[in-house]
Structures are given as C-alpha cells and as structure tokens.
Amino acid sequence: MAKKTVASLQKGGGKQHTRVIKMIKNADTGAYGFRSAIVLNGEVKEWFAANS
C-alpha cells in the first residue's frame, strides 16, 4: 500500500508536498505519540507552529 501512495504523490504535483511527523508528549501519562500529515512545502513551518 505504501508504494502506491508514494507513487501517486510523485505524479503531477506530488513533489510539492511533504510528509511531516511531530512527536508529542501526553501530559497525563508522559507517553509519547506521533502526529503526521501531508502538507504543501511552503506550509511546513506553519504546521509545526500550529501543532506545538
């Protein structure tokens, strides 16, 4: 499945997107979790600022 996703992103305007992953600590349990998304290249810094 992952190969199909990557291959479809490389066609057309897919190179204008970036997959971002941020590690977030849960305040209640102290465990870490991950939040990920696919955003436009120009919006990466805004995504990290909004998800802090």
C-alpha atoms as a PDB file:
ATOM      1  CA  MET A   1       0.000   0.000   0.000  1.00  0.00           C
ATOM      2  CA  ALA A   2       2.729   2.472   0.856  1.00  0.00           C
ATOM      3  CA  LYS A   3       4.297   2.101  -2.562  1.00  0.00           C
ATOM      4  CA  LYS A   4       1.047   3.114  -4.232  1.00  0.00           C
ATOM      5  CA  THR A   5       0.750   6.196  -2.021  1.00  0.00           C
ATOM      6  CA  VAL A   6       4.305   7.298  -2.701  1.00  0.00           C
ATOM      7  CA  ALA A   7       3.987   6.595  -6.419  1.00  0.00           C
ATOM      8  CA  SER A   8       0.779   8.595  -6.687  1.00  0.00           C
ATOM      9  CA  LEU A   9       2.335  11.565  -4.875  1.00  0.00           C
ATOM     10  CA  GLN A  10       5.266  11.629  -7.302  1.00  0.00           C
ATOM     11  CA  LYS A  11       2.985  12.106 -10.319  1.00  0.00           C
ATOM     12  CA  GLY A  12       1.773  15.571 -11.203  1.00  0.00           C
ATOM     13  CA  GLY A  13       2.020  17.974  -8.287  1.00  0.00           C
ATOM     14  CA  GLY A  14       3.064  15.427  -5.674  1.00  0.00           C
ATOM     15  CA  LYS A  15       6.585  16.806  -5.374  1.00  0.00           C
ATOM     16  CA  GLN A  16       5.083  19.981  -3.951  1.00  0.00           C
ATOM     17  CA  HIS A  17       4.013  18.097  -0.818  1.00  0.00           C
ATOM     18  CA  THR A  18       5.960  16.971   2.243  1.00  0.00           C
ATOM     19  CA  ARG A  19       5.042  14.437   4.899  1.00  0.00           C
ATOM     20  CA  VAL A  20       5.622  15.923   8.345  1.00  0.00           C
ATOM     21  CA  ILE A  21       5.775  13.975  11.613  1.00  0.00           C
ATOM     22  CA  LYS A  22       5.888  15.508  15.072  1.00  0.00           C
ATOM     23  CA  MET A  23       6.420  13.721  18.385  1.00  0.00           C
ATOM     24  CA  ILE A  24       4.063  14.937  21.118  1.00  0.00           C
ATOM     25  CA  LYS A  25       4.244  14.104  24.827  1.00  0.00           C
ATOM     26  CA  ASN A  26       0.992  13.348  26.633  1.00  0.00           C
ATOM     27  CA  ALA A  27       0.777  15.493  29.764  1.00  0.00           C
ATOM     28  CA  ASP A  28      -1.343  12.959  31.670  1.00  0.00           C
ATOM     29  CA  THR A  29       0.612   9.751  31.130  1.00  0.00           C
ATOM     30  CA  GLY A  30       4.011  11.018  29.998  1.00  0.00           C
ATOM     31  CA  ALA A  31       3.848   8.742  26.942  1.00  0.00           C
ATOM     32  CA  TYR A  32       4.864   9.974  23.520  1.00  0.00           C
ATOM     33  CA  GLY A  33       2.671   9.884  20.448  1.00  0.00           C
ATOM     34  CA  PHE A  34       3.080  10.982  16.867  1.00  0.00           C
ATOM     35  CA  ARG A  35       1.047  13.355  14.730  1.00  0.00           C
ATOM     36  CA  SER A  36       1.611  13.241  10.974  1.00  0.00           C
ATOM     37  CA  ALA A  37       0.185  14.935   7.906  1.00  0.00           C
ATOM     38  CA  ILE A  38       0.961  15.671   4.277  1.00  0.00           C
ATOM     39  CA  VAL A  39       1.224  19.425   3.691  1.00  0.00           C
ATOM     40  CA  LEU A  40       2.441  21.734   0.960  1.00  0.00           C
ATOM     41  CA  ASN A  41       6.165  22.520   1.048  1.00  0.00           C
ATOM     42  CA  GLY A  42       5.539  26.190   1.845  1.00  0.00           C
ATOM     43  CA  GLU A  43       3.299  25.398   4.819  1.00  0.00           C
ATOM     44  CA  VAL A  44       5.648  23.133   6.791  1.00  0.00           C
ATOM     45  CA  LYS A  45       6.757  25.751   9.332  1.00  0.00           C
ATOM     46  CA  GLU A  46       3.167  26.879   9.898  1.00  0.00           C
ATOM     47  CA  TRP A  47       2.087  23.281  10.508  1.00  0.00           C
ATOM     48  CA  PHE A  48       4.746  22.766  13.175  1.00  0.00           C
ATOM     49  CA  ALA A  49       3.848  26.102  14.816  1.00  0.00           C
ATOM     50  CA  ALA A  50       0.136  25.252  14.879  1.00  0.00           C
ATOM     51  CA  ASN A  51       0.716  21.726  16.252  1.00  0.00           C
ATOM     52  CA  SER A  52       3.025  22.607  19.111  1.00  0.00           C
END
